[in-house]
C-alpha atoms as a PDB file:
ATOM      1  CA  MET A   1      15.715  -5.918   6.288  1.00  0.00           C
ATOM      2  CA  GLU A   2      13.292  -5.733   4.084  1.00  0.00           C
ATOM      3  CA  ARG A   3      12.372  -2.848   1.673  1.00  0.00           C
ATOM      4  CA  LEU A   4       9.793  -0.188   1.780  1.00  0.00           C
ATOM      5  CA  TYR A   5       7.708   1.657  -1.275  1.00  0.00           C
ATOM      6  CA  THR A   6       6.840   5.624  -0.727  1.00  0.00           C
ATOM      7  CA  PRO A   7       3.469   6.361  -1.834  1.00  0.00           C
ATOM      8  CA  ALA A   8       4.618   7.219  -4.873  1.00  0.00           C
ATOM      9  CA  GLN A   9       6.322   4.655  -5.914  1.00  0.00           C
ATOM     10  CA  VAL A  10       2.676   1.827  -4.676  1.00  0.00           C
ATOM     11  CA  SER A  11       0.987   4.587  -5.953  1.00  0.00           C
ATOM     12  CA  GLU A  12       2.627   3.475  -9.774  1.00  0.00           C
ATOM     13  CA  MET A  13       2.484  -0.618  -9.159  1.00  0.00           C
ATOM     14  CA  LEU A  14      -1.099  -0.469  -8.672  1.00  0.00           C
ATOM     15  CA  GLY A  15      -1.989   2.227 -11.201  1.00  0.00           C
ATOM     16  CA  MET A  16      -3.624   4.671  -8.648  1.00  0.00           C
ATOM     17  CA  SER A  17      -3.045   7.562  -7.557  1.00  0.00           C
ATOM     18  CA  VAL A  18      -0.770   8.947  -4.518  1.00  0.00           C
ATOM     19  CA  LYS A  19      -4.051  10.626  -3.773  1.00  0.00           C
ATOM     20  CA  THR A  20      -6.540   7.687  -3.229  1.00  0.00           C
ATOM     21  CA  LEU A  21      -3.770   5.884  -0.956  1.00  0.00           C
ATOM     22  CA  GLU A  22      -3.516   9.219   1.254  1.00  0.00           C
ATOM     23  CA  LYS A  23      -7.613   9.474   1.354  1.00  0.00           C
ATOM     24  CA  TRP A  24      -7.364   5.431   2.394  1.00  0.00           C
ATOM     25  CA  ARG A  25      -4.907   6.085   5.376  1.00  0.00           C
ATOM     26  CA  TRP A  26      -7.027   8.838   6.354  1.00  0.00           C
ATOM     27  CA  GLU A  27     -10.354   6.105   5.809  1.00  0.00           C
ATOM     28  CA  ARG A  28      -8.067   3.552   8.128  1.00  0.00           C
ATOM     29  CA  ARG A  29      -9.101   1.016   4.901  1.00  0.00           C
ATOM     30  CA  ASN A  30      -6.969  -2.398   5.423  1.00  0.00           C
ATOM     31  CA  LEU A  31      -3.898  -1.614   3.266  1.00  0.00           C
ATOM     32  CA  PRO A  32      -1.156  -1.048   6.340  1.00  0.00           C
ATOM     33  CA  TYR A  33       2.015   1.727   6.183  1.00  0.00           C
ATOM     34  CA  VAL A  34       4.818   2.161   8.554  1.00  0.00           C
ATOM     35  CA  LYS A  35       4.788   6.195   9.487  1.00  0.00           C
ATOM     36  CA  LEU A  36       8.956   7.072  10.002  1.00  0.00           C
ATOM     37  CA  GLY A  37       8.196  10.707  11.523  1.00  0.00           C
ATOM     38  CA  ALA A  38       6.513  12.172   8.908  1.00  0.00           C
ATOM     39  CA  ALA A  39       7.575   9.268   6.421  1.00  0.00           C
ATOM     40  CA  VAL A  40       4.817   7.305   5.098  1.00  0.00           C
ATOM     41  CA  ARG A  41       5.887   4.142   3.160  1.00  0.00           C
ATOM     42  CA  TYR A  42       4.481   0.810   2.765  1.00  0.00           C
ATOM     43  CA  LYS A  43       6.282  -2.634   3.019  1.00  0.00           C
ATOM     44  CA  GLU A  44       6.645  -5.075   0.266  1.00  0.00           C
ATOM     45  CA  SER A  45       4.965  -7.926   2.948  1.00  0.00           C
ATOM     46  CA  ASP A  46       1.769  -5.677   3.498  1.00  0.00           C
ATOM     47  CA  LEU A  47       1.948  -4.560   0.273  1.00  0.00           C
ATOM     48  CA  LYS A  48       2.021  -8.863  -1.411  1.00  0.00           C
ATOM     49  CA  ALA A  49      -0.139 -10.090   1.729  1.00  0.00           C
ATOM     50  CA  TRP A  50      -3.097  -7.409   0.731  1.00  0.00           C
ATOM     51  CA  LEU A  51      -2.532  -8.203  -3.628  1.00  0.00           C
ATOM     52  CA  ASP A  52      -2.927 -11.943  -2.130  1.00  0.00           C
ATOM     53  CA  GLY A  53      -6.008 -10.589  -0.681  1.00  0.00           C
ATOM     54  CA  HIS A  54      -8.307  -9.454  -2.825  1.00  0.00           C
ATOM     55  CA  THR A  55      -7.092 -11.774  -6.060  1.00  0.00           C
ATOM     56  CA  ILE A  56     -10.679 -13.027  -7.623  1.00  0.00           C
ATOM     57  CA  GLY A  57      -9.639 -16.972  -8.350  1.00  0.00           C
ATOM     58  CA  VAL A  58     -11.157 -18.329 -11.738  1.00  0.00           C
ATOM     59  CA  ARG A  59     -14.140 -20.928 -11.804  1.00  0.00           C
END
């Protein structure tokens, strides 16, 4: 099974607040998440894909 991260873990990894992640979920931004009952989790593969999509190349 793929590793799942809590919002607190993701906020620490990305250097942003848990509230920002909450706002993004409410706004349906492009960072996918999983709902397990009331719990929110982020799949490792989704985080990697999201980061890859936000990588700026150099010239």
